[in-house]
C-alpha atoms as a PDB file:
ATOM      1  CA  UNK A   1     -84.394  31.854   8.735  1.00  0.00           C
ATOM      2  CA  UNK A   2     -80.924  31.004   7.668  1.00  0.00           C
ATOM      3  CA  UNK A   3     -80.083  27.661   6.299  1.00  0.00           C
ATOM      4  CA  UNK A   4     -76.740  26.127   7.008  1.00  0.00           C
ATOM      5  CA  UNK A   5     -74.996  24.541   4.122  1.00  0.00           C
ATOM      6  CA  UNK A   6     -73.222  21.352   5.000  1.00  0.00           C
ATOM      7  CA  UNK A   7     -69.571  21.367   4.051  1.00  0.00           C
ATOM      8  CA  UNK A   8     -68.805  19.443   0.941  1.00  0.00           C
ATOM      9  CA  UNK A   9     -67.301  16.066   1.563  1.00  0.00           C
ATOM     10  CA  UNK A  10     -63.780  15.870   0.253  1.00  0.00           C
ATOM     11  CA  UNK A  11     -63.452  13.185  -2.299  1.00  0.00           C
ATOM     12  CA  UNK A  12     -60.885  10.586  -1.304  1.00  0.00           C
ATOM     13  CA  UNK A  13     -57.733  10.968  -3.313  1.00  0.00           C
ATOM     14  CA  UNK A  14     -55.997   7.883  -4.577  1.00  0.00           C
ATOM     15  CA  UNK A  15     -52.198   7.988  -4.604  1.00  0.00           C
ATOM     16  CA  UNK A  16     -50.470   6.648  -7.660  1.00  0.00           C
ATOM     17  CA  UNK A  17     -48.712   3.330  -7.132  1.00  0.00           C
ATOM     18  CA  UNK A  18     -45.149   3.638  -5.982  1.00  0.00           C
ATOM     19  CA  UNK A  19     -42.615   2.362  -8.437  1.00  0.00           C
ATOM     20  CA  UNK A  20     -40.149   0.296  -6.425  1.00  0.00           C
ATOM     21  CA  UNK A  21     -38.055  -0.679  -9.409  1.00  0.00           C
ATOM     22  CA  UNK A  22     -35.220   1.832  -8.700  1.00  0.00           C
ATOM     23  CA  UNK A  23     -35.044   0.630  -5.083  1.00  0.00           C
ATOM     24  CA  UNK A  24     -34.822  -2.993  -6.192  1.00  0.00           C
ATOM     25  CA  UNK A  25     -32.142  -2.138  -8.719  1.00  0.00           C
ATOM     26  CA  UNK A  26     -30.162  -0.283  -6.060  1.00  0.00           C
ATOM     27  CA  UNK A  27     -30.398  -3.256  -3.699  1.00  0.00           C
ATOM     28  CA  UNK A  28     -29.393  -5.641  -6.462  1.00  0.00           C
ATOM     29  CA  UNK A  29     -26.378  -3.543  -7.389  1.00  0.00           C
ATOM     30  CA  UNK A  30     -25.384  -3.293  -3.731  1.00  0.00           C
ATOM     31  CA  UNK A  31     -25.682  -7.061  -3.334  1.00  0.00           C
ATOM     32  CA  UNK A  32     -23.522  -7.660  -6.428  1.00  0.00           C
ATOM     33  CA  UNK A  33     -20.969  -5.120  -5.186  1.00  0.00           C
ATOM     34  CA  UNK A  34     -20.761  -6.836  -1.796  1.00  0.00           C
ATOM     35  CA  UNK A  35     -20.456 -10.232  -3.478  1.00  0.00           C
ATOM     36  CA  UNK A  36     -17.644  -8.915  -5.681  1.00  0.00           C
ATOM     37  CA  UNK A  37     -15.842  -7.514  -2.610  1.00  0.00           C
ATOM     38  CA  UNK A  38     -16.147 -10.863  -0.846  1.00  0.00           C
ATOM     39  CA  UNK A  39     -14.807 -12.772  -3.877  1.00  0.00           C
ATOM     40  CA  UNK A  40     -11.869 -10.392  -4.307  1.00  0.00           C
ATOM     41  CA  UNK A  41     -11.088 -10.614  -0.591  1.00  0.00           C
ATOM     42  CA  UNK A  42     -11.161 -14.416  -0.697  1.00  0.00           C
ATOM     43  CA  UNK A  43      -8.952 -14.387  -3.802  1.00  0.00           C
ATOM     44  CA  UNK A  44      -6.378 -12.228  -1.999  1.00  0.00           C
ATOM     45  CA  UNK A  45      -6.601 -13.768   1.464  1.00  0.00           C
ATOM     46  CA  UNK A  46      -6.720 -17.404   0.303  1.00  0.00           C
ATOM     47  CA  UNK A  47      -3.027 -17.754  -0.667  1.00  0.00           C
ATOM     48  CA  UNK A  48      -1.942 -15.969   2.526  1.00  0.00           C
ATOM     49  CA  UNK A  49      -3.984 -18.372   4.671  1.00  0.00           C
ATOM     50  CA  UNK A  50      -2.609 -21.411   2.821  1.00  0.00           C
ATOM     51  CA  UNK A  51       0.971 -20.182   3.203  1.00  0.00           C
ATOM     52  CA  UNK A  52       0.342 -19.545   6.901  1.00  0.00           C
ATOM     53  CA  UNK A  53      -1.021 -23.070   7.378  1.00  0.00           C
ATOM     54  CA  UNK A  54       1.990 -24.532   5.589  1.00  0.00           C
ATOM     55  CA  UNK A  55       4.419 -22.418   7.621  1.00  0.00           C
ATOM     56  CA  UNK A  56       2.777 -23.616  10.842  1.00  0.00           C
ATOM     57  CA  UNK A  57       2.980 -27.271   9.815  1.00  0.00           C
ATOM     58  CA  UNK A  58       5.761 -29.726  10.525  1.00  0.00           C
ATOM     59  CA  UNK A  59       8.352 -30.354   7.778  1.00  0.00           C
ATOM     60  CA  UNK A  60       7.243 -33.974   7.543  1.00  0.00           C
ATOM     61  CA  UNK A  61       3.620 -32.961   7.016  1.00  0.00           C
ATOM     62  CA  UNK A  62       4.635 -30.531   4.278  1.00  0.00           C
ATOM     63  CA  UNK A  63       6.661 -33.213   2.485  1.00  0.00           C
ATOM     64  CA  UNK A  64       3.891 -35.822   2.432  1.00  0.00           C
ATOM     65  CA  UNK A  65       1.535 -36.110  -0.548  1.00  0.00           C
ATOM     66  CA  UNK A  66      -1.334 -35.351  -0.845  1.00  0.00           C
ATOM     67  CA  UNK A  67      -1.072 -32.428   1.546  1.00  0.00           C
ATOM     68  CA  UNK A  68      -3.922 -31.452   3.850  1.00  0.00           C
ATOM     69  CA  UNK A  69      -5.108 -27.846   3.718  1.00  0.00           C
ATOM     70  CA  UNK A  70      -5.315 -27.531   7.502  1.00  0.00           C
ATOM     71  CA  UNK A  71      -2.390 -29.016   9.443  1.00  0.00           C
ATOM     72  CA  UNK A  72      -3.216 -31.653  12.021  1.00  0.00           C
ATOM     73  CA  UNK A  73      -0.746 -30.186  14.503  1.00  0.00           C
ATOM     74  CA  UNK A  74       0.276 -26.538  14.557  1.00  0.00           C
ATOM     75  CA  UNK A  75       3.924 -26.000  15.347  1.00  0.00           C
ATOM     76  CA  UNK A  76       6.573 -23.295  15.095  1.00  0.00           C
ATOM     77  CA  UNK A  77       9.363 -25.680  14.131  1.00  0.00           C
ATOM     78  CA  UNK A  78       9.234 -24.683  10.456  1.00  0.00           C
ATOM     79  CA  UNK A  79       9.392 -20.957  11.226  1.00  0.00           C
ATOM     80  CA  UNK A  80      12.087 -21.376  13.846  1.00  0.00           C
ATOM     81  CA  UNK A  81      14.140 -23.447  11.405  1.00  0.00           C
ATOM     82  CA  UNK A  82      13.795 -20.739   8.777  1.00  0.00           C
ATOM     83  CA  UNK A  83      14.700 -17.916  11.165  1.00  0.00           C
ATOM     84  CA  UNK A  84      17.724 -19.832  12.411  1.00  0.00           C
ATOM     85  CA  UNK A  85      19.051 -20.301   8.880  1.00  0.00           C
ATOM     86  CA  UNK A  86      22.235 -18.516   7.937  1.00  0.00           C
ATOM     87  CA  UNK A  87      21.732 -14.913   6.895  1.00  0.00           C
ATOM     88  CA  UNK A  88      17.961 -14.723   7.481  1.00  0.00           C
ATOM     89  CA  UNK A  89      17.907 -12.431  10.528  1.00  0.00           C
ATOM     90  CA  UNK A  90      20.469  -9.957   9.087  1.00  0.00           C
ATOM     91  CA  UNK A  91      18.491  -9.944   5.831  1.00  0.00           C
ATOM     92  CA  UNK A  92      15.313  -9.258   7.796  1.00  0.00           C
ATOM     93  CA  UNK A  93      16.977  -6.265   9.452  1.00  0.00           C
ATOM     94  CA  UNK A  94      18.256  -4.999   6.092  1.00  0.00           C
ATOM     95  CA  UNK A  95      14.761  -5.205   4.585  1.00  0.00           C
ATOM     96  CA  UNK A  96      13.260  -3.367   7.545  1.00  0.00           C
ATOM     97  CA  UNK A  97      15.844  -0.583   7.418  1.00  0.00           C
ATOM     98  CA  UNK A  98      15.539  -0.294   3.646  1.00  0.00           C
ATOM     99  CA  UNK A  99      11.742  -0.024   3.847  1.00  0.00           C
ATOM    100  CA  UNK A 100      11.802   2.640   6.567  1.00  0.00           C
ATOM    101  CA  UNK A 101      14.523   4.669   4.848  1.00  0.00           C
ATOM    102  CA  UNK A 102      12.661   4.442   1.535  1.00  0.00           C
ATOM    103  CA  UNK A 103       9.422   5.695   3.090  1.00  0.00           C
ATOM    104  CA  UNK A 104      11.140   8.635   4.793  1.00  0.00           C
ATOM    105  CA  UNK A 105      13.214   9.630   1.767  1.00  0.00           C
ATOM    106  CA  UNK A 106      10.352   9.308  -0.719  1.00  0.00           C
ATOM    107  CA  UNK A 107       8.056  11.450   1.451  1.00  0.00           C
ATOM    108  CA  UNK A 108      10.733  14.080   2.068  1.00  0.00           C
ATOM    109  CA  UNK A 109      11.275  14.475  -1.679  1.00  0.00           C
ATOM    110  CA  UNK A 110       7.899  13.478  -3.127  1.00  0.00           C
ATOM    111  CA  UNK A 111       5.557  15.393  -0.805  1.00  0.00           C
ATOM    112  CA  UNK A 112       7.003  18.856  -1.630  1.00  0.00           C
ATOM    113  CA  UNK A 113       6.945  17.954  -5.333  1.00  0.00           C
ATOM    114  CA  UNK A 114       3.294  16.893  -5.023  1.00  0.00           C
ATOM    115  CA  UNK A 115       2.459  20.138  -3.231  1.00  0.00           C
ATOM    116  CA  UNK A 116       4.134  22.157  -5.988  1.00  0.00           C
ATOM    117  CA  UNK A 117       2.135  20.314  -8.658  1.00  0.00           C
ATOM    118  CA  UNK A 118      -1.113  20.823  -6.742  1.00  0.00           C
ATOM    119  CA  UNK A 119      -0.689  24.504  -5.904  1.00  0.00           C
ATOM    120  CA  UNK A 120       1.322  26.035  -8.748  1.00  0.00           C
ATOM    121  CA  UNK A 121       0.493  26.217 -12.433  1.00  0.00           C
ATOM    122  CA  UNK A 122       3.723  26.194 -14.412  1.00  0.00           C
ATOM    123  CA  UNK A 123       4.666  25.416 -17.969  1.00  0.00           C
ATOM    124  CA  UNK A 124       5.094  21.718 -18.611  1.00  0.00           C
ATOM    125  CA  UNK A 125       3.240  20.499 -15.530  1.00  0.00           C
ATOM    126  CA  UNK A 126       1.252  17.821 -17.368  1.00  0.00           C
ATOM    127  CA  UNK A 127       4.263  16.503 -19.355  1.00  0.00           C
ATOM    128  CA  UNK A 128       6.189  16.428 -16.088  1.00  0.00           C
ATOM    129  CA  UNK A 129       3.602  14.124 -14.496  1.00  0.00           C
ATOM    130  CA  UNK A 130       3.715  11.893 -17.567  1.00  0.00           C
ATOM    131  CA  UNK A 131       7.505  11.843 -17.369  1.00  0.00           C
ATOM    132  CA  UNK A 132       7.251  10.638 -13.771  1.00  0.00           C
ATOM    133  CA  UNK A 133       5.185   7.657 -14.867  1.00  0.00           C
ATOM    134  CA  UNK A 134       7.736   6.790 -17.547  1.00  0.00           C
ATOM    135  CA  UNK A 135      10.192   5.929 -14.770  1.00  0.00           C
ATOM    136  CA  UNK A 136       8.012   2.943 -13.858  1.00  0.00           C
ATOM    137  CA  UNK A 137       7.946   1.858 -17.508  1.00  0.00           C
ATOM    138  CA  UNK A 138      11.628   0.883 -17.397  1.00  0.00           C
ATOM    139  CA  UNK A 139      12.175  -2.654 -16.062  1.00  0.00           C
ATOM    140  CA  UNK A 140      14.330  -2.866 -12.972  1.00  0.00           C
ATOM    141  CA  UNK A 141      16.392  -5.597 -14.658  1.00  0.00           C
ATOM    142  CA  UNK A 142      17.496  -3.096 -17.315  1.00  0.00           C
ATOM    143  CA  UNK A 143      18.408  -0.491 -14.697  1.00  0.00           C
ATOM    144  CA  UNK A 144      20.185  -2.832 -12.285  1.00  0.00           C
ATOM    145  CA  UNK A 145      23.374  -3.366 -14.300  1.00  0.00           C
ATOM    146  CA  UNK A 146      24.223   0.329 -14.916  1.00  0.00           C
ATOM    147  CA  UNK A 147      23.219   1.140 -11.336  1.00  0.00           C
ATOM    148  CA  UNK A 148      25.497  -1.607 -10.048  1.00  0.00           C
ATOM    149  CA  UNK A 149      28.342  -0.111 -12.100  1.00  0.00           C
ATOM    150  CA  UNK A 150      27.696   3.346 -10.619  1.00  0.00           C
ATOM    151  CA  UNK A 151      27.531   2.007  -7.075  1.00  0.00           C
ATOM    152  CA  UNK A 152      30.754   0.022  -7.572  1.00  0.00           C
ATOM    153  CA  UNK A 153      32.580   3.157  -8.696  1.00  0.00           C
ATOM    154  CA  UNK A 154      31.238   5.229  -5.807  1.00  0.00           C
ATOM    155  CA  UNK A 155      31.898   2.550  -3.191  1.00  0.00           C
ATOM    156  CA  UNK A 156      28.256   2.114  -2.203  1.00  0.00           C
ATOM    157  CA  UNK A 157      27.693  -1.305  -3.761  1.00  0.00           C
ATOM    158  CA  UNK A 158      26.308  -4.021  -1.461  1.00  0.00           C
ATOM    159  CA  UNK A 159      24.935  -1.520   1.060  1.00  0.00           C
ATOM    160  CA  UNK A 160      21.520  -0.647   2.415  1.00  0.00           C
ATOM    161  CA  UNK A 161      21.969   2.873   1.030  1.00  0.00           C
ATOM    162  CA  UNK A 162      22.237   1.595  -2.540  1.00  0.00           C
ATOM    163  CA  UNK A 163      19.055  -0.466  -2.295  1.00  0.00           C
ATOM    164  CA  UNK A 164      17.292   2.461  -0.592  1.00  0.00           C
ATOM    165  CA  UNK A 165      18.151   4.796  -3.475  1.00  0.00           C
ATOM    166  CA  UNK A 166      16.844   2.310  -6.036  1.00  0.00           C
ATOM    167  CA  UNK A 167      13.618   1.687  -4.143  1.00  0.00           C
ATOM    168  CA  UNK A 168      13.119   5.432  -3.634  1.00  0.00           C
ATOM    169  CA  UNK A 169      13.452   5.993  -7.363  1.00  0.00           C
ATOM    170  CA  UNK A 170      10.876   3.278  -8.003  1.00  0.00           C
ATOM    171  CA  UNK A 171       8.420   4.676  -5.450  1.00  0.00           C
ATOM    172  CA  UNK A 172       8.910   8.367  -6.256  1.00  0.00           C
ATOM    173  CA  UNK A 173       6.413   8.662  -9.174  1.00  0.00           C
ATOM    174  CA  UNK A 174       3.573   7.152  -7.185  1.00  0.00           C
ATOM    175  CA  UNK A 175       4.458   9.207  -4.110  1.00  0.00           C
ATOM    176  CA  UNK A 176       4.422  12.463  -6.070  1.00  0.00           C
ATOM    177  CA  UNK A 177       1.126  11.720  -7.826  1.00  0.00           C
ATOM    178  CA  UNK A 178      -0.643  10.489  -4.664  1.00  0.00           C
ATOM    179  CA  UNK A 179       0.443  13.473  -2.593  1.00  0.00           C
ATOM    180  CA  UNK A 180      -0.468  15.865  -5.417  1.00  0.00           C
ATOM    181  CA  UNK A 181      -4.011  14.485  -5.538  1.00  0.00           C
ATOM    182  CA  UNK A 182      -4.269  14.784  -1.741  1.00  0.00           C
ATOM    183  CA  UNK A 183      -3.035  18.387  -1.670  1.00  0.00           C
ATOM    184  CA  UNK A 184      -5.502  19.309  -4.416  1.00  0.00           C
ATOM    185  CA  UNK A 185      -8.328  18.130  -2.142  1.00  0.00           C
ATOM    186  CA  UNK A 186      -7.199  20.502   0.646  1.00  0.00           C
ATOM    187  CA  UNK A 187      -9.175  23.785   0.221  1.00  0.00           C
ATOM    188  CA  UNK A 188      -7.068  26.769  -0.740  1.00  0.00           C
ATOM    189  CA  UNK A 189      -9.341  28.975   1.396  1.00  0.00           C
ATOM    190  CA  UNK A 190      -7.901  27.407   4.543  1.00  0.00           C
ATOM    191  CA  UNK A 191      -4.395  28.381   3.518  1.00  0.00           C
ATOM    192  CA  UNK A 192      -5.501  31.921   2.709  1.00  0.00           C
ATOM    193  CA  UNK A 193      -7.266  32.195   6.060  1.00  0.00           C
ATOM    194  CA  UNK A 194      -4.123  31.040   7.854  1.00  0.00           C
ATOM    195  CA  UNK A 195      -2.092  33.681   6.021  1.00  0.00           C
ATOM    196  CA  UNK A 196      -4.629  36.353   7.016  1.00  0.00           C
ATOM    197  CA  UNK A 197      -4.071  35.433  10.667  1.00  0.00           C
ATOM    198  CA  UNK A 198      -0.331  35.917  10.265  1.00  0.00           C
ATOM    199  CA  UNK A 199       0.998  32.470   9.355  1.00  0.00           C
ATOM    200  CA  UNK A 200       3.888  32.228   6.968  1.00  0.00           C
ATOM    201  CA  UNK A 201       3.911  29.747   4.072  1.00  0.00           C
ATOM    202  CA  UNK A 202       5.896  27.222   6.112  1.00  0.00           C
ATOM    203  CA  UNK A 203       3.591  27.591   9.123  1.00  0.00           C
ATOM    204  CA  UNK A 204       0.535  27.233   6.903  1.00  0.00           C
ATOM    205  CA  UNK A 205       1.832  24.009   5.418  1.00  0.00           C
ATOM    206  CA  UNK A 206       2.865  22.630   8.804  1.00  0.00           C
ATOM    207  CA  UNK A 207      -0.257  23.580  10.783  1.00  0.00           C
ATOM    208  CA  UNK A 208      -3.034  23.459   8.165  1.00  0.00           C
ATOM    209  CA  UNK A 209      -2.089  21.455   5.079  1.00  0.00           C
ATOM    210  CA  UNK A 210      -0.121  18.556   6.544  1.00  0.00           C
ATOM    211  CA  UNK A 211      -2.701  17.603   9.227  1.00  0.00           C
ATOM    212  CA  UNK A 212      -5.380  17.399   6.527  1.00  0.00           C
ATOM    213  CA  UNK A 213      -3.071  15.456   4.206  1.00  0.00           C
ATOM    214  CA  UNK A 214      -1.982  12.839   6.765  1.00  0.00           C
ATOM    215  CA  UNK A 215      -4.341  10.113   5.412  1.00  0.00           C
ATOM    216  CA  UNK A 216      -2.960  10.509   1.910  1.00  0.00           C
ATOM    217  CA  UNK A 217       0.609  10.531   3.186  1.00  0.00           C
ATOM    218  CA  UNK A 218      -0.151   7.334   5.109  1.00  0.00           C
ATOM    219  CA  UNK A 219      -1.493   5.702   1.953  1.00  0.00           C
ATOM    220  CA  UNK A 220       1.650   6.710   0.094  1.00  0.00           C
ATOM    221  CA  UNK A 221       3.799   5.358   2.943  1.00  0.00           C
ATOM    222  CA  UNK A 222       1.980   2.007   2.848  1.00  0.00           C
ATOM    223  CA  UNK A 223       2.476   1.675  -0.895  1.00  0.00           C
ATOM    224  CA  UNK A 224       6.142   2.651  -0.638  1.00  0.00           C
ATOM    225  CA  UNK A 225       6.921   0.275   2.223  1.00  0.00           C
ATOM    226  CA  UNK A 226       5.205  -2.680   0.555  1.00  0.00           C
ATOM    227  CA  UNK A 227       6.977  -1.934  -2.729  1.00  0.00           C
ATOM    228  CA  UNK A 228      10.364  -1.767  -0.999  1.00  0.00           C
ATOM    229  CA  UNK A 229       9.702  -4.846   1.119  1.00  0.00           C
ATOM    230  CA  UNK A 230       8.667  -7.031  -1.830  1.00  0.00           C
ATOM    231  CA  UNK A 231      11.208  -5.820  -4.395  1.00  0.00           C
ATOM    232  CA  UNK A 232      13.673  -8.598  -5.142  1.00  0.00           C
ATOM    233  CA  UNK A 233      15.377  -8.175  -8.531  1.00  0.00           C
ATOM    234  CA  UNK A 234      17.166  -4.911  -7.823  1.00  0.00           C
ATOM    235  CA  UNK A 235      18.175  -6.025  -4.337  1.00  0.00           C
ATOM    236  CA  UNK A 236      19.490  -9.345  -5.683  1.00  0.00           C
ATOM    237  CA  UNK A 237      21.713  -7.582  -8.241  1.00  0.00           C
ATOM    238  CA  UNK A 238      22.926  -4.762  -5.994  1.00  0.00           C
ATOM    239  CA  UNK A 239      23.760  -6.832  -2.912  1.00  0.00           C
ATOM    240  CA  UNK A 240      25.828  -9.912  -2.092  1.00  0.00           C
ATOM    241  CA  UNK A 241      26.723  -9.898   1.594  1.00  0.00           C
ATOM    242  CA  UNK A 242      24.015  -7.506   2.779  1.00  0.00           C
ATOM    243  CA  UNK A 243      20.965  -8.940   1.062  1.00  0.00           C
ATOM    244  CA  UNK A 244      17.398  -8.036   1.856  1.00  0.00           C
ATOM    245  CA  UNK A 245      15.019 -10.783   2.935  1.00  0.00           C
ATOM    246  CA  UNK A 246      13.398 -11.330  -0.513  1.00  0.00           C
ATOM    247  CA  UNK A 247      16.831 -11.486  -2.145  1.00  0.00           C
ATOM    248  CA  UNK A 248      18.060 -13.901   0.542  1.00  0.00           C
ATOM    249  CA  UNK A 249      15.043 -16.178   0.049  1.00  0.00           C
ATOM    250  CA  UNK A 250      15.461 -16.036  -3.727  1.00  0.00           C
ATOM    251  CA  UNK A 251      19.149 -16.955  -3.499  1.00  0.00           C
ATOM    252  CA  UNK A 252      18.392 -19.960  -1.275  1.00  0.00           C
ATOM    253  CA  UNK A 253      15.360 -21.309  -3.133  1.00  0.00           C
ATOM    254  CA  UNK A 254      17.262 -23.707  -5.368  1.00  0.00           C
ATOM    255  CA  UNK A 255      18.861 -25.672  -2.515  1.00  0.00           C
ATOM    256  CA  UNK A 256      16.173 -25.259   0.150  1.00  0.00           C
ATOM    257  CA  UNK A 257      13.401 -27.683   1.155  1.00  0.00           C
ATOM    258  CA  UNK A 258       9.730 -26.886   0.815  1.00  0.00           C
ATOM    259  CA  UNK A 259       9.415 -25.982   4.480  1.00  0.00           C
ATOM    260  CA  UNK A 260      11.991 -23.194   3.974  1.00  0.00           C
ATOM    261  CA  UNK A 261      10.033 -21.812   1.035  1.00  0.00           C
ATOM    262  CA  UNK A 262       6.698 -21.714   2.848  1.00  0.00           C
ATOM    263  CA  UNK A 263       8.257 -20.223   5.968  1.00  0.00           C
ATOM    264  CA  UNK A 264      10.050 -17.627   3.852  1.00  0.00           C
ATOM    265  CA  UNK A 265       6.837 -16.657   2.098  1.00  0.00           C
ATOM    266  CA  UNK A 266       5.044 -16.298   5.419  1.00  0.00           C
ATOM    267  CA  UNK A 267       7.899 -14.218   6.859  1.00  0.00           C
ATOM    268  CA  UNK A 268       7.693 -11.901   3.862  1.00  0.00           C
ATOM    269  CA  UNK A 269       3.944 -11.373   4.226  1.00  0.00           C
ATOM    270  CA  UNK A 270       3.658 -10.721   7.962  1.00  0.00           C
ATOM    271  CA  UNK A 271       5.717  -7.458   8.282  1.00  0.00           C
ATOM    272  CA  UNK A 272       3.884  -5.853   5.353  1.00  0.00           C
ATOM    273  CA  UNK A 273       0.522  -6.744   6.915  1.00  0.00           C
ATOM    274  CA  UNK A 274       1.629  -5.361  10.282  1.00  0.00           C
ATOM    275  CA  UNK A 275       2.691  -2.080   8.658  1.00  0.00           C
ATOM    276  CA  UNK A 276      -0.675  -1.805   6.902  1.00  0.00           C
ATOM    277  CA  UNK A 277      -2.497  -2.445  10.196  1.00  0.00           C
ATOM    278  CA  UNK A 278      -0.337   0.229  11.817  1.00  0.00           C
ATOM    279  CA  UNK A 279      -1.446   2.740   9.170  1.00  0.00           C
ATOM    280  CA  UNK A 280      -5.053   1.525   9.180  1.00  0.00           C
ATOM    281  CA  UNK A 281      -6.339   4.429  11.268  1.00  0.00           C
ATOM    282  CA  UNK A 282      -5.088   7.011   8.784  1.00  0.00           C
ATOM    283  CA  UNK A 283      -6.421   5.049   5.813  1.00  0.00           C
ATOM    284  CA  UNK A 284      -9.885   4.887   7.387  1.00  0.00           C
ATOM    285  CA  UNK A 285      -9.810   8.655   7.878  1.00  0.00           C
ATOM    286  CA  UNK A 286      -9.172   9.060   4.150  1.00  0.00           C
ATOM    287  CA  UNK A 287     -11.693   6.499   2.824  1.00  0.00           C
ATOM    288  CA  UNK A 288     -14.268   6.844   5.591  1.00  0.00           C
ATOM    289  CA  UNK A 289     -15.605   4.236   7.949  1.00  0.00           C
ATOM    290  CA  UNK A 290     -18.040   1.738   6.543  1.00  0.00           C
ATOM    291  CA  UNK A 291     -20.980   0.688   8.685  1.00  0.00           C
END
C-alpha cells in the first residue's frame, strides 16, 4: 500500500517595501523644471504683451497717468500713425531685405565652413573656432567707424549691401559653430553608404547630409535673422537715407511721442516672431515634440 505524500505548502513570500523616494524626487524635479519654464516664459512674454497693449491703445490713453495695463478700447490708430510716419515703410523694407540677405549669405559661407570643421581634422582647428568667437568680442561701436570709412571709399556707404556685410560678419561665428555641431551629429556611415552606391561628394552632401541638417540650419537662420533685425548701432552709423527700421526708430526717439515709441517697439517685435513661427516646424524636428 502506497502512501501519497501531500505536496509541501509554499510559504508565502513577503516582498520588500518599495522605496518611492526616487520617484518622488523625479516628480519634484520635474515640477520645479516646469515652474522655472513658466516663470522664464512669463518674464519674456510679459514685456511683449505690455508693448502690444500700448500699441493697440489710443494716444490719449497712453499719455494719461496712471496708465491701465489693458486698454479700455483697442484701436489701430497708434500703429497706423506710426506706419504713416516719414521713412518708416522704406526702413521696414530695408530691414526685411537686410535680414533675408544676411541669412542667405551667412548660410552660404558658414555652412560649408561648419561642414569642414565637422568632417576634417586639420592643424589649428580648435584655435580657429576660438578665433571665430573673438569676432563677437569686438564691440560694433568700435568697428563702425573704420567700416564706415571703408564703405565711403568704395562707394557702398548708406546702402543695404553695407549693412548686410556687417550683419553677416556678426552672425558668421555663430552660424559656423551651430552648423558644425549639427554636421557632427550626422552619422558618417550614411555618407560612406551613399558613396558606395555611386554618389559623389556633392551629391552626398545634397541628398544625405543637408536633409538631416535642415533643423540646425533653420535654428541658425532664426538666430541670424533676429540678430540682423534687432541690430541698431551699426545700421545707425552706416546709413543716413536708407536706414533700417531699428535705426529709424532710434533716430526719431528724441522728438517722438510715447505712442510712436510703443508702436515702433511692437513693429520691431512682430516680424521676428513671425519668422520664428515660420521656422517652428524645423526647430521642433531638431528639439523633438513635447507631449
